[in-house]
Amino acid sequence: MGRYLLARGLLTAVALTVIVTTTFVLMHLLPGDPFLTPKLLPVIREHLLAHYGLDRPLWQQYLMYWGNLLHGRLGPSLLEPGRTVGQLIATGFPVSAEVGALALLWSVTLGIALGLVSAFHRGRAWDYAVLGVAVLGLTVPNFVVAVLSDDLLGGHLLPVAGWGGPAHAILPAFALGLGALALVARMLRAQAVEVLDADFIRTALAKGLPWRQILTRHVCKNALLPVLTLLGPLAAAILTGSLVVERIFAIPGLGSDFVSSILDRDYPLILGLTTFYAALLLGFNLLVDVLYTVVDPRIRLGGEGR
């Protein structure tokens, strides 16, 4: 396992290098700069560019950013004076993470339950009902779900906007999690149907094993592996927040910072948020690999299977 983690660490470093480099190049291909506005005098604009090192050649800016990044510094936000990128992430991510964690919890839990129910009742009313919910969750955008849930449930039952506690996270979490629920339910149903048709399930039934034991020992363990593959990118995407959903519910999360940084050409914030998101995604993918060995003991990290 140590060799596997070392190899994954090297691959993670390479992936982060490629992501940071690509983001840096694409960022500077955008027209304009953070201080290109008619409200600023040319002398002030040149002074600001020099202060933040943006008047230097691109290769020097690239090396300077990597030097700060290796020392754990993401740099200052260009358009929010007095605040660093790290402070903005520390402020916005806990809010996005709380909403995202609730969305991930209810969507994955209910998605697994609905997928199993659909697989056990395939071709019947329960199966068609679950498939209908899954199709609805995949086709309706989360901002439409957010607006509808806000109109139907907001105000009288739940807070419609702002941030002040767990109650404010319920409607945004519902809007963010419906698509994830649909993905999990559809994939688990497909895998569970395949497992239920396998020969070892027929053998277990012939031996008289109860359905509960068959479900927990055989169906779930074999059907959950492909679902785990979804959890890495799914968790990273949900936990970092959604711009539209956060805007609808006026949630001060990372989503709005991510898009406003691009519109305002806030270079350190663009690079910092992209690096943070990439590290989160790679970390979740590594966690999923470890969970494989928990769900199925036959799997060994590094390819050393039994």
C-alpha atoms as a PDB file:
ATOM      1  CA  MET A   1       0.000   0.000   0.000  1.00  0.00           C
ATOM      2  CA  GLY A   2       2.929   2.320   0.688  1.00  0.00           C
ATOM      3  CA  ARG A   3       4.215   1.970  -2.869  1.00  0.00           C
ATOM      4  CA  TYR A   4       0.742   2.609  -4.224  1.00  0.00           C
ATOM      5  CA  LEU A   5       0.313   5.781  -2.168  1.00  0.00           C
ATOM      6  CA  LEU A   6       3.754   6.992  -3.264  1.00  0.00           C
ATOM      7  CA  ALA A   7       2.886   6.397  -6.914  1.00  0.00           C
ATOM      8  CA  ARG A   8      -0.459   8.150  -6.494  1.00  0.00           C
ATOM      9  CA  GLY A   9       1.300  11.046  -4.786  1.00  0.00           C
ATOM     10  CA  LEU A  10       3.639  11.460  -7.764  1.00  0.00           C
ATOM     11  CA  LEU A  11       0.722  11.249 -10.205  1.00  0.00           C
ATOM     12  CA  THR A  12      -1.169  13.815  -8.140  1.00  0.00           C
ATOM     13  CA  ALA A  13       1.795  16.187  -8.281  1.00  0.00           C
ATOM     14  CA  VAL A  14       2.034  15.769 -12.057  1.00  0.00           C
ATOM     15  CA  ALA A  15      -1.712  16.304 -12.464  1.00  0.00           C
ATOM     16  CA  LEU A  16      -1.656  19.465 -10.335  1.00  0.00           C
ATOM     17  CA  THR A  17       1.308  20.787 -12.331  1.00  0.00           C
ATOM     18  CA  VAL A  18      -0.539  20.243 -15.606  1.00  0.00           C
ATOM     19  CA  ILE A  19      -3.738  21.818 -14.241  1.00  0.00           C
ATOM     20  CA  VAL A  20      -1.971  24.890 -12.850  1.00  0.00           C
ATOM     21  CA  THR A  21       0.050  25.344 -16.038  1.00  0.00           C
ATOM     22  CA  THR A  22      -2.969  24.984 -18.313  1.00  0.00           C
ATOM     23  CA  THR A  23      -5.020  27.370 -16.172  1.00  0.00           C
ATOM     24  CA  PHE A  24      -2.177  29.897 -16.118  1.00  0.00           C
ATOM     25  CA  VAL A  25      -1.828  29.857 -19.911  1.00  0.00           C
ATOM     26  CA  LEU A  26      -5.570  30.023 -20.632  1.00  0.00           C
ATOM     27  CA  MET A  27      -6.021  32.748 -18.024  1.00  0.00           C
ATOM     28  CA  HIS A  28      -3.490  35.014 -19.725  1.00  0.00           C
ATOM     29  CA  LEU A  29      -4.976  34.322 -23.159  1.00  0.00           C
ATOM     30  CA  LEU A  30      -8.133  36.128 -22.041  1.00  0.00           C
ATOM     31  CA  PRO A  31      -8.253  39.715 -23.308  1.00  0.00           C
ATOM     32  CA  GLY A  32      -7.661  42.496 -20.823  1.00  0.00           C
ATOM     33  CA  ASP A  33      -6.310  42.487 -17.286  1.00  0.00           C
ATOM     34  CA  PRO A  34      -7.720  43.122 -13.782  1.00  0.00           C
ATOM     35  CA  PHE A  35      -7.041  46.851 -13.932  1.00  0.00           C
ATOM     36  CA  LEU A  36      -8.075  47.616 -17.510  1.00  0.00           C
ATOM     37  CA  THR A  37     -10.841  50.085 -16.783  1.00  0.00           C
ATOM     38  CA  PRO A  38     -11.404  53.696 -17.891  1.00  0.00           C
ATOM     39  CA  LYS A  39     -11.894  54.710 -14.245  1.00  0.00           C
ATOM     40  CA  LEU A  40      -8.182  54.223 -13.538  1.00  0.00           C
ATOM     41  CA  LEU A  41      -5.560  56.677 -14.708  1.00  0.00           C
ATOM     42  CA  PRO A  42      -2.775  55.049 -16.786  1.00  0.00           C
ATOM     43  CA  VAL A  43      -0.193  55.931 -14.124  1.00  0.00           C
ATOM     44  CA  ILE A  44      -2.218  54.244 -11.370  1.00  0.00           C
ATOM     45  CA  ARG A  45      -2.829  51.196 -13.562  1.00  0.00           C
ATOM     46  CA  GLU A  46       0.897  50.802 -14.269  1.00  0.00           C
ATOM     47  CA  HIS A  47       1.644  51.166 -10.562  1.00  0.00           C
ATOM     48  CA  LEU A  48      -0.882  48.438  -9.679  1.00  0.00           C
ATOM     49  CA  LEU A  49       0.486  46.090 -12.351  1.00  0.00           C
ATOM     50  CA  ALA A  50       3.998  46.614 -11.011  1.00  0.00           C
ATOM     51  CA  HIS A  51       2.863  46.161  -7.397  1.00  0.00           C
ATOM     52  CA  TYR A  52       1.353  42.740  -8.129  1.00  0.00           C
ATOM     53  CA  GLY A  53       4.135  41.707 -10.528  1.00  0.00           C
ATOM     54  CA  LEU A  54       1.842  41.613 -13.550  1.00  0.00           C
ATOM     55  CA  ASP A  55       4.218  43.750 -15.613  1.00  0.00           C
ATOM     56  CA  ARG A  56       6.854  41.014 -15.560  1.00  0.00           C
ATOM     57  CA  PRO A  57       7.280  38.426 -18.329  1.00  0.00           C
ATOM     58  CA  LEU A  58       4.869  35.513 -18.102  1.00  0.00           C
ATOM     59  CA  TRP A  59       7.590  32.975 -17.302  1.00  0.00           C
ATOM     60  CA  GLN A  60       8.636  35.044 -14.279  1.00  0.00           C
ATOM     61  CA  GLN A  61       5.015  35.326 -13.120  1.00  0.00           C
ATOM     62  CA  TYR A  62       4.653  31.543 -13.530  1.00  0.00           C
ATOM     63  CA  LEU A  63       7.751  30.769 -11.456  1.00  0.00           C
ATOM     64  CA  MET A  64       6.745  33.359  -8.864  1.00  0.00           C
ATOM     65  CA  TYR A  65       3.333  31.735  -8.476  1.00  0.00           C
ATOM     66  CA  TRP A  66       4.863  28.274  -8.027  1.00  0.00           C
ATOM     67  CA  GLY A  67       7.273  29.647  -5.438  1.00  0.00           C
ATOM     68  CA  ASN A  68       4.359  31.060  -3.420  1.00  0.00           C
ATOM     69  CA  LEU A  69       2.277  27.904  -3.919  1.00  0.00           C
ATOM     70  CA  LEU A  70       5.038  25.611  -2.650  1.00  0.00           C
ATOM     71  CA  HIS A  71       5.197  27.761   0.491  1.00  0.00           C
ATOM     72  CA  GLY A  72       1.427  27.465   0.991  1.00  0.00           C
ATOM     73  CA  ARG A  73       0.635  30.994  -0.207  1.00  0.00           C
ATOM     74  CA  LEU A  74      -2.105  31.472  -2.810  1.00  0.00           C
ATOM     75  CA  GLY A  75      -1.525  35.197  -3.089  1.00  0.00           C
ATOM     76  CA  PRO A  76      -3.735  38.257  -2.565  1.00  0.00           C
ATOM     77  CA  SER A  77      -7.017  38.837  -4.312  1.00  0.00           C
ATOM     78  CA  LEU A  78      -6.501  41.626  -6.834  1.00  0.00           C
ATOM     79  CA  LEU A  79     -10.002  43.054  -6.657  1.00  0.00           C
ATOM     80  CA  GLU A  80     -10.699  42.540  -2.951  1.00  0.00           C
ATOM     81  CA  PRO A  81      -8.005  44.607  -1.222  1.00  0.00           C
ATOM     82  CA  GLY A  82      -6.774  43.325   2.094  1.00  0.00           C
ATOM     83  CA  ARG A  83      -7.980  39.759   1.551  1.00  0.00           C
ATOM     84  CA  THR A  84      -5.951  36.800   0.370  1.00  0.00           C
ATOM     85  CA  VAL A  85      -7.181  33.910  -1.751  1.00  0.00           C
ATOM     86  CA  GLY A  86      -6.706  31.618   1.234  1.00  0.00           C
ATOM     87  CA  GLN A  87      -8.982  33.809   3.339  1.00  0.00           C
ATOM     88  CA  LEU A  88     -11.678  33.808   0.651  1.00  0.00           C
ATOM     89  CA  ILE A  89     -11.522  30.007   0.428  1.00  0.00           C
ATOM     90  CA  ALA A  90     -11.580  29.686   4.219  1.00  0.00           C
ATOM     91  CA  THR A  91     -14.695  31.884   4.298  1.00  0.00           C
ATOM     92  CA  GLY A  92     -16.620  30.444   1.368  1.00  0.00           C
ATOM     93  CA  PHE A  93     -15.744  26.760   1.423  1.00  0.00           C
ATOM     94  CA  PRO A  94     -17.304  25.867   4.822  1.00  0.00           C
ATOM     95  CA  VAL A  95     -20.620  27.266   3.589  1.00  0.00           C
ATOM     96  CA  SER A  96     -20.458  25.401   0.266  1.00  0.00           C
ATOM     97  CA  ALA A  97     -19.244  22.274   2.076  1.00  0.00           C
ATOM     98  CA  GLU A  98     -22.148  22.300   4.538  1.00  0.00           C
ATOM     99  CA  VAL A  99     -24.705  22.572   1.739  1.00  0.00           C
ATOM    100  CA  GLY A 100     -22.795  20.064  -0.396  1.00  0.00           C
ATOM    101  CA  ALA A 101     -22.385  17.518   2.387  1.00  0.00           C
ATOM    102  CA  LEU A 102     -26.110  17.582   3.092  1.00  0.00           C
ATOM    103  CA  ALA A 103     -26.860  17.264  -0.632  1.00  0.00           C
ATOM    104  CA  LEU A 104     -24.410  14.370  -1.002  1.00  0.00           C
ATOM    105  CA  LEU A 105     -25.729  12.584   2.084  1.00  0.00           C
ATOM    106  CA  TRP A 106     -29.391  12.588   1.132  1.00  0.00           C
ATOM    107  CA  SER A 107     -28.845  11.999  -2.591  1.00  0.00           C
ATOM    108  CA  VAL A 108     -26.461   9.035  -2.232  1.00  0.00           C
ATOM    109  CA  THR A 109     -28.416   7.411   0.602  1.00  0.00           C
ATOM    110  CA  LEU A 110     -31.785   7.738  -1.093  1.00  0.00           C
ATOM    111  CA  GLY A 111     -30.296   6.956  -4.505  1.00  0.00           C
ATOM    112  CA  ILE A 112     -28.906   3.634  -3.257  1.00  0.00           C
ATOM    113  CA  ALA A 113     -32.225   2.743  -1.630  1.00  0.00           C
ATOM    114  CA  LEU A 114     -34.238   3.647  -4.743  1.00  0.00           C
ATOM    115  CA  GLY A 115     -31.815   1.789  -7.014  1.00  0.00           C
ATOM    116  CA  LEU A 116     -32.166  -1.392  -4.972  1.00  0.00           C
ATOM    117  CA  VAL A 117     -35.958  -1.067  -4.806  1.00  0.00           C
ATOM    118  CA  SER A 118     -36.097  -0.562  -8.582  1.00  0.00           C
ATOM    119  CA  ALA A 119     -33.854  -3.574  -9.240  1.00  0.00           C
ATOM    120  CA  PHE A 120     -35.866  -5.883  -6.947  1.00  0.00           C
ATOM    121  CA  HIS A 121     -39.155  -4.764  -8.533  1.00  0.00           C
ATOM    122  CA  ARG A 122     -38.031  -4.440 -12.147  1.00  0.00           C
ATOM    123  CA  GLY A 123     -40.839  -4.293 -14.637  1.00  0.00           C
ATOM    124  CA  ARG A 124     -43.338  -3.290 -11.949  1.00  0.00           C
ATOM    125  CA  ALA A 125     -44.818  -0.023 -10.736  1.00  0.00           C
ATOM    126  CA  TRP A 126     -41.994   0.691  -8.264  1.00  0.00           C
ATOM    127  CA  ASP A 127     -39.423   0.255 -11.010  1.00  0.00           C
ATOM    128  CA  TYR A 128     -41.191   2.662 -13.368  1.00  0.00           C
ATOM    129  CA  ALA A 129     -41.657   5.186 -10.565  1.00  0.00           C
ATOM    130  CA  VAL A 130     -37.964   5.178  -9.671  1.00  0.00           C
ATOM    131  CA  LEU A 131     -36.945   5.433 -13.336  1.00  0.00           C
ATOM    132  CA  GLY A 132     -39.326   8.363 -13.742  1.00  0.00           C
ATOM    133  CA  VAL A 133     -37.747  10.174 -10.794  1.00  0.00           C
ATOM    134  CA  ALA A 134     -34.281   9.433 -12.205  1.00  0.00           C
ATOM    135  CA  VAL A 135     -35.153  10.785 -15.640  1.00  0.00           C
ATOM    136  CA  LEU A 136     -36.657  13.873 -14.032  1.00  0.00           C
ATOM    137  CA  GLY A 137     -33.552  14.452 -11.939  1.00  0.00           C
ATOM    138  CA  LEU A 138     -31.236  14.102 -14.938  1.00  0.00           C
ATOM    139  CA  THR A 139     -33.213  16.317 -17.311  1.00  0.00           C
ATOM    140  CA  VAL A 140     -34.307  19.192 -15.071  1.00  0.00           C
ATOM    141  CA  PRO A 141     -31.421  21.627 -14.355  1.00  0.00           C
ATOM    142  CA  ASN A 142     -30.627  22.310 -10.727  1.00  0.00           C
ATOM    143  CA  PHE A 143     -31.452  26.019 -11.062  1.00  0.00           C
ATOM    144  CA  VAL A 144     -34.993  25.102 -12.185  1.00  0.00           C
ATOM    145  CA  VAL A 145     -35.310  22.779  -9.176  1.00  0.00           C
ATOM    146  CA  ALA A 146     -34.004  25.599  -6.996  1.00  0.00           C
ATOM    147  CA  VAL A 147     -36.585  28.100  -8.265  1.00  0.00           C
ATOM    148  CA  LEU A 148     -39.485  25.634  -8.001  1.00  0.00           C
ATOM    149  CA  SER A 149     -38.524  24.479  -4.494  1.00  0.00           C
ATOM    150  CA  ASP A 150     -38.073  28.099  -3.465  1.00  0.00           C
ATOM    151  CA  ASP A 151     -41.555  29.009  -4.706  1.00  0.00           C
ATOM    152  CA  LEU A 152     -43.317  25.913  -3.348  1.00  0.00           C
ATOM    153  CA  LEU A 153     -41.566  25.348  -0.021  1.00  0.00           C
ATOM    154  CA  GLY A 154     -39.814  28.595   0.764  1.00  0.00           C
ATOM    155  CA  GLY A 155     -41.097  31.353   2.977  1.00  0.00           C
ATOM    156  CA  HIS A 156     -43.676  29.525   5.083  1.00  0.00           C
ATOM    157  CA  LEU A 157     -41.854  26.246   5.730  1.00  0.00           C
ATOM    158  CA  LEU A 158     -38.177  26.975   5.119  1.00  0.00           C
ATOM    159  CA  PRO A 159     -35.956  30.058   4.655  1.00  0.00           C
ATOM    160  CA  VAL A 160     -35.846  31.209   1.039  1.00  0.00           C
ATOM    161  CA  ALA A 161     -32.501  33.037   1.050  1.00  0.00           C
ATOM    162  CA  GLY A 162     -29.521  34.031   3.123  1.00  0.00           C
ATOM    163  CA  TRP A 163     -27.335  32.033   5.451  1.00  0.00           C
ATOM    164  CA  GLY A 164     -27.846  31.527   9.134  1.00  0.00           C
ATOM    165  CA  GLY A 165     -27.913  27.850  10.039  1.00  0.00           C
ATOM    166  CA  PRO A 166     -28.898  24.313   9.031  1.00  0.00           C
ATOM    167  CA  ALA A 167     -32.422  25.316   7.980  1.00  0.00           C
ATOM    168  CA  HIS A 168     -30.988  27.573   5.268  1.00  0.00           C
ATOM    169  CA  ALA A 169     -29.150  24.598   3.732  1.00  0.00           C
ATOM    170  CA  ILE A 170     -32.172  22.344   3.171  1.00  0.00           C
ATOM    171  CA  LEU A 171     -33.586  23.841  -0.037  1.00  0.00           C
ATOM    172  CA  PRO A 172     -30.167  24.410  -1.694  1.00  0.00           C
ATOM    173  CA  ALA A 173     -29.121  20.880  -0.761  1.00  0.00           C
ATOM    174  CA  PHE A 174     -32.303  19.509  -2.318  1.00  0.00           C
ATOM    175  CA  ALA A 175     -31.665  21.426  -5.545  1.00  0.00           C
ATOM    176  CA  LEU A 176     -28.012  20.334  -5.689  1.00  0.00           C
ATOM    177  CA  GLY A 177     -28.662  16.698  -4.803  1.00  0.00           C
ATOM    178  CA  LEU A 178     -31.508  15.767  -7.139  1.00  0.00           C
ATOM    179  CA  GLY A 179     -29.235  15.204 -10.136  1.00  0.00           C
ATOM    180  CA  ALA A 180     -26.803  13.170  -8.028  1.00  0.00           C
ATOM    181  CA  LEU A 181     -29.681  11.041  -6.731  1.00  0.00           C
ATOM    182  CA  ALA A 182     -30.753  10.293 -10.304  1.00  0.00           C
ATOM    183  CA  LEU A 183     -27.230   9.237 -11.318  1.00  0.00           C
ATOM    184  CA  VAL A 184     -26.749   6.985  -8.299  1.00  0.00           C
ATOM    185  CA  ALA A 185     -30.198   5.396  -8.600  1.00  0.00           C
ATOM    186  CA  ARG A 186     -29.848   4.611 -12.322  1.00  0.00           C
ATOM    187  CA  MET A 187     -26.337   3.205 -12.031  1.00  0.00           C
ATOM    188  CA  LEU A 188     -27.107   1.127  -8.947  1.00  0.00           C
ATOM    189  CA  ARG A 189     -30.265  -0.265 -10.550  1.00  0.00           C
ATOM    190  CA  ALA A 190     -28.318  -1.357 -13.647  1.00  0.00           C
ATOM    191  CA  GLN A 191     -25.590  -2.999 -11.571  1.00  0.00           C
ATOM    192  CA  ALA A 192     -28.012  -4.610  -9.129  1.00  0.00           C
ATOM    193  CA  VAL A 193     -30.067  -6.119 -11.977  1.00  0.00           C
ATOM    194  CA  GLU A 194     -26.888  -7.614 -13.427  1.00  0.00           C
ATOM    195  CA  VAL A 195     -25.882  -9.048 -10.053  1.00  0.00           C
ATOM    196  CA  LEU A 196     -29.366 -10.477  -9.413  1.00  0.00           C
ATOM    197  CA  ASP A 197     -29.128 -12.406 -12.698  1.00  0.00           C
ATOM    198  CA  ALA A 198     -25.754 -13.913 -11.767  1.00  0.00           C
ATOM    199  CA  ASP A 199     -25.361 -17.627 -11.066  1.00  0.00           C
ATOM    200  CA  PHE A 200     -24.114 -17.173  -7.498  1.00  0.00           C
ATOM    201  CA  ILE A 201     -27.372 -15.417  -6.567  1.00  0.00           C
ATOM    202  CA  ARG A 202     -29.346 -18.414  -7.851  1.00  0.00           C
ATOM    203  CA  THR A 203     -27.049 -20.682  -5.851  1.00  0.00           C
ATOM    204  CA  ALA A 204     -27.604 -18.610  -2.708  1.00  0.00           C
ATOM    205  CA  LEU A 205     -31.378 -18.786  -3.214  1.00  0.00           C
ATOM    206  CA  ALA A 206     -31.193 -22.548  -3.777  1.00  0.00           C
ATOM    207  CA  LYS A 207     -29.343 -22.900  -0.480  1.00  0.00           C
ATOM    208  CA  GLY A 208     -32.189 -21.115   1.277  1.00  0.00           C
ATOM    209  CA  LEU A 209     -30.319 -17.962   2.289  1.00  0.00           C
ATOM    210  CA  PRO A 210     -32.684 -15.174   3.355  1.00  0.00           C
ATOM    211  CA  TRP A 211     -33.071 -12.176   1.059  1.00  0.00           C
ATOM    212  CA  ARG A 212     -31.623  -9.812   3.669  1.00  0.00           C
ATOM    213  CA  GLN A 213     -28.374 -11.767   3.752  1.00  0.00           C
ATOM    214  CA  ILE A 214     -28.253 -11.987  -0.043  1.00  0.00           C
ATOM    215  CA  LEU A 215     -28.848  -8.241  -0.270  1.00  0.00           C
ATOM    216  CA  THR A 216     -26.128  -7.231   2.184  1.00  0.00           C
ATOM    217  CA  ARG A 217     -23.481  -9.848   1.411  1.00  0.00           C
ATOM    218  CA  HIS A 218     -23.793 -10.240  -2.340  1.00  0.00           C
ATOM    219  CA  VAL A 219     -25.918  -7.644  -4.105  1.00  0.00           C
ATOM    220  CA  CYS A 220     -24.740  -4.493  -2.329  1.00  0.00           C
ATOM    221  CA  LYS A 221     -21.041  -5.346  -2.287  1.00  0.00           C
ATOM    222  CA  ASN A 222     -20.962  -6.137  -5.993  1.00  0.00           C
ATOM    223  CA  ALA A 223     -23.319  -3.407  -7.170  1.00  0.00           C
ATOM    224  CA  LEU A 224     -21.782  -0.579  -5.130  1.00  0.00           C
ATOM    225  CA  LEU A 225     -18.331  -0.670  -6.740  1.00  0.00           C
ATOM    226  CA  PRO A 226     -19.298   1.257  -9.916  1.00  0.00           C
ATOM    227  CA  VAL A 227     -21.286   3.709  -7.791  1.00  0.00           C
ATOM    228  CA  LEU A 228     -18.156   4.453  -5.755  1.00  0.00           C
ATOM    229  CA  THR A 229     -16.464   5.556  -8.972  1.00  0.00           C
ATOM    230  CA  LEU A 230     -18.997   8.366  -9.234  1.00  0.00           C
ATOM    231  CA  LEU A 231     -18.454   9.599  -5.710  1.00  0.00           C
ATOM    232  CA  GLY A 232     -15.026  11.183  -6.286  1.00  0.00           C
ATOM    233  CA  PRO A 233     -15.924  13.771  -8.933  1.00  0.00           C
ATOM    234  CA  LEU A 234     -19.506  13.978  -7.659  1.00  0.00           C
ATOM    235  CA  ALA A 235     -18.439  14.871  -4.125  1.00  0.00           C
ATOM    236  CA  ALA A 236     -15.893  17.432  -5.285  1.00  0.00           C
ATOM    237  CA  ALA A 237     -18.397  19.086  -7.618  1.00  0.00           C
ATOM    238  CA  ILE A 238     -21.156  19.269  -5.009  1.00  0.00           C
ATOM    239  CA  LEU A 239     -18.962  20.305  -2.082  1.00  0.00           C
ATOM    240  CA  THR A 240     -17.450  23.244  -3.945  1.00  0.00           C
ATOM    241  CA  GLY A 241     -20.917  24.595  -4.618  1.00  0.00           C
ATOM    242  CA  SER A 242     -22.964  25.653  -7.600  1.00  0.00           C
ATOM    243  CA  LEU A 243     -22.952  29.258  -8.771  1.00  0.00           C
ATOM    244  CA  VAL A 244     -26.587  29.385  -9.874  1.00  0.00           C
ATOM    245  CA  VAL A 245     -27.977  27.632  -6.807  1.00  0.00           C
ATOM    246  CA  GLU A 246     -25.894  29.784  -4.478  1.00  0.00           C
ATOM    247  CA  ARG A 247     -27.020  32.933  -6.286  1.00  0.00           C
ATOM    248  CA  ILE A 248     -30.706  31.947  -6.124  1.00  0.00           C
ATOM    249  CA  PHE A 249     -30.552  31.321  -2.388  1.00  0.00           C
ATOM    250  CA  ALA A 250     -28.044  34.140  -1.687  1.00  0.00           C
ATOM    251  CA  ILE A 251     -25.511  31.748  -0.144  1.00  0.00           C
ATOM    252  CA  PRO A 252     -22.000  33.172   0.399  1.00  0.00           C
ATOM    253  CA  GLY A 253     -20.145  30.110  -0.912  1.00  0.00           C
ATOM    254  CA  LEU A 254     -17.304  29.454  -3.369  1.00  0.00           C
ATOM    255  CA  GLY A 255     -19.482  29.281  -6.467  1.00  0.00           C
ATOM    256  CA  SER A 256     -19.922  33.009  -6.922  1.00  0.00           C
ATOM    257  CA  ASP A 257     -16.227  33.661  -6.165  1.00  0.00           C
ATOM    258  CA  PHE A 258     -15.190  31.201  -8.856  1.00  0.00           C
ATOM    259  CA  VAL A 259     -17.160  32.855 -11.667  1.00  0.00           C
ATOM    260  CA  SER A 260     -16.598  36.458 -10.550  1.00  0.00           C
ATOM    261  CA  SER A 261     -12.846  35.787 -10.486  1.00  0.00           C
ATOM    262  CA  ILE A 262     -12.970  34.904 -14.201  1.00  0.00           C
ATOM    263  CA  LEU A 263     -15.164  37.854 -15.139  1.00  0.00           C
ATOM    264  CA  ASP A 264     -12.956  40.271 -13.182  1.00  0.00           C
ATOM    265  CA  ARG A 265      -9.634  38.707 -14.322  1.00  0.00           C
ATOM    266  CA  ASP A 266      -8.595  38.152 -10.702  1.00  0.00           C
ATOM    267  CA  TYR A 267      -5.627  35.943 -11.631  1.00  0.00           C
ATOM    268  CA  PRO A 268      -4.578  34.745  -8.153  1.00  0.00           C
ATOM    269  CA  LEU A 269      -8.184  33.891  -7.269  1.00  0.00           C
ATOM    270  CA  ILE A 270      -8.669  31.969 -10.539  1.00  0.00           C
ATOM    271  CA  LEU A 271      -5.502  29.940  -9.972  1.00  0.00           C
ATOM    272  CA  GLY A 272      -6.157  29.454  -6.265  1.00  0.00           C
ATOM    273  CA  LEU A 273      -9.714  28.185  -6.694  1.00  0.00           C
ATOM    274  CA  THR A 274      -8.722  25.945  -9.615  1.00  0.00           C
ATOM    275  CA  THR A 275      -5.838  24.456  -7.614  1.00  0.00           C
ATOM    276  CA  PHE A 276      -8.058  23.966  -4.579  1.00  0.00           C
ATOM    277  CA  TYR A 277     -10.789  22.288  -6.637  1.00  0.00           C
ATOM    278  CA  ALA A 278      -8.266  20.032  -8.418  1.00  0.00           C
ATOM    279  CA  ALA A 279      -6.655  18.979  -5.128  1.00  0.00           C
ATOM    280  CA  LEU A 280     -10.084  18.232  -3.689  1.00  0.00           C
ATOM    281  CA  LEU A 281     -11.030  16.144  -6.719  1.00  0.00           C
ATOM    282  CA  LEU A 282      -7.789  14.158  -6.659  1.00  0.00           C
ATOM    283  CA  GLY A 283      -8.136  13.623  -2.916  1.00  0.00           C
ATOM    284  CA  PHE A 284     -11.656  12.262  -3.263  1.00  0.00           C
ATOM    285  CA  ASN A 285     -10.559   9.932  -6.066  1.00  0.00           C
ATOM    286  CA  LEU A 286      -7.839   8.534  -3.799  1.00  0.00           C
ATOM    287  CA  LEU A 287     -10.388   8.067  -1.011  1.00  0.00           C
ATOM    288  CA  VAL A 288     -12.652   6.173  -3.432  1.00  0.00           C
ATOM    289  CA  ASP A 289      -9.763   3.838  -4.299  1.00  0.00           C
ATOM    290  CA  VAL A 290      -9.310   3.068  -0.603  1.00  0.00           C
ATOM    291  CA  LEU A 291     -13.059   2.490  -0.197  1.00  0.00           C
ATOM    292  CA  TYR A 292     -12.884  -0.142  -2.944  1.00  0.00           C
ATOM    293  CA  THR A 293     -10.851  -2.343  -0.606  1.00  0.00           C
ATOM    294  CA  VAL A 294     -13.413  -1.876   2.180  1.00  0.00           C
ATOM    295  CA  VAL A 295     -16.409  -2.800   0.020  1.00  0.00           C
ATOM    296  CA  ASP A 296     -14.649  -5.690  -1.735  1.00  0.00           C
ATOM    297  CA  PRO A 297     -11.761  -7.295   0.237  1.00  0.00           C
ATOM    298  CA  ARG A 298     -10.591  -9.080  -2.931  1.00  0.00           C
ATOM    299  CA  ILE A 299      -9.331  -5.752  -4.285  1.00  0.00           C
ATOM    300  CA  ARG A 300      -5.833  -4.747  -3.289  1.00  0.00           C
ATOM    301  CA  LEU A 301      -4.316  -1.343  -3.883  1.00  0.00           C
ATOM    302  CA  GLY A 302      -1.561  -1.467  -6.431  1.00  0.00           C
ATOM    303  CA  GLY A 303      -3.141  -4.330  -8.373  1.00  0.00           C
ATOM    304  CA  GLU A 304      -2.201  -7.088  -5.931  1.00  0.00           C
ATOM    305  CA  GLY A 305      -5.529  -8.938  -5.994  1.00  0.00           C
ATOM    306  CA  ARG A 306      -6.230 -12.307  -4.424  1.00  0.00           C
END
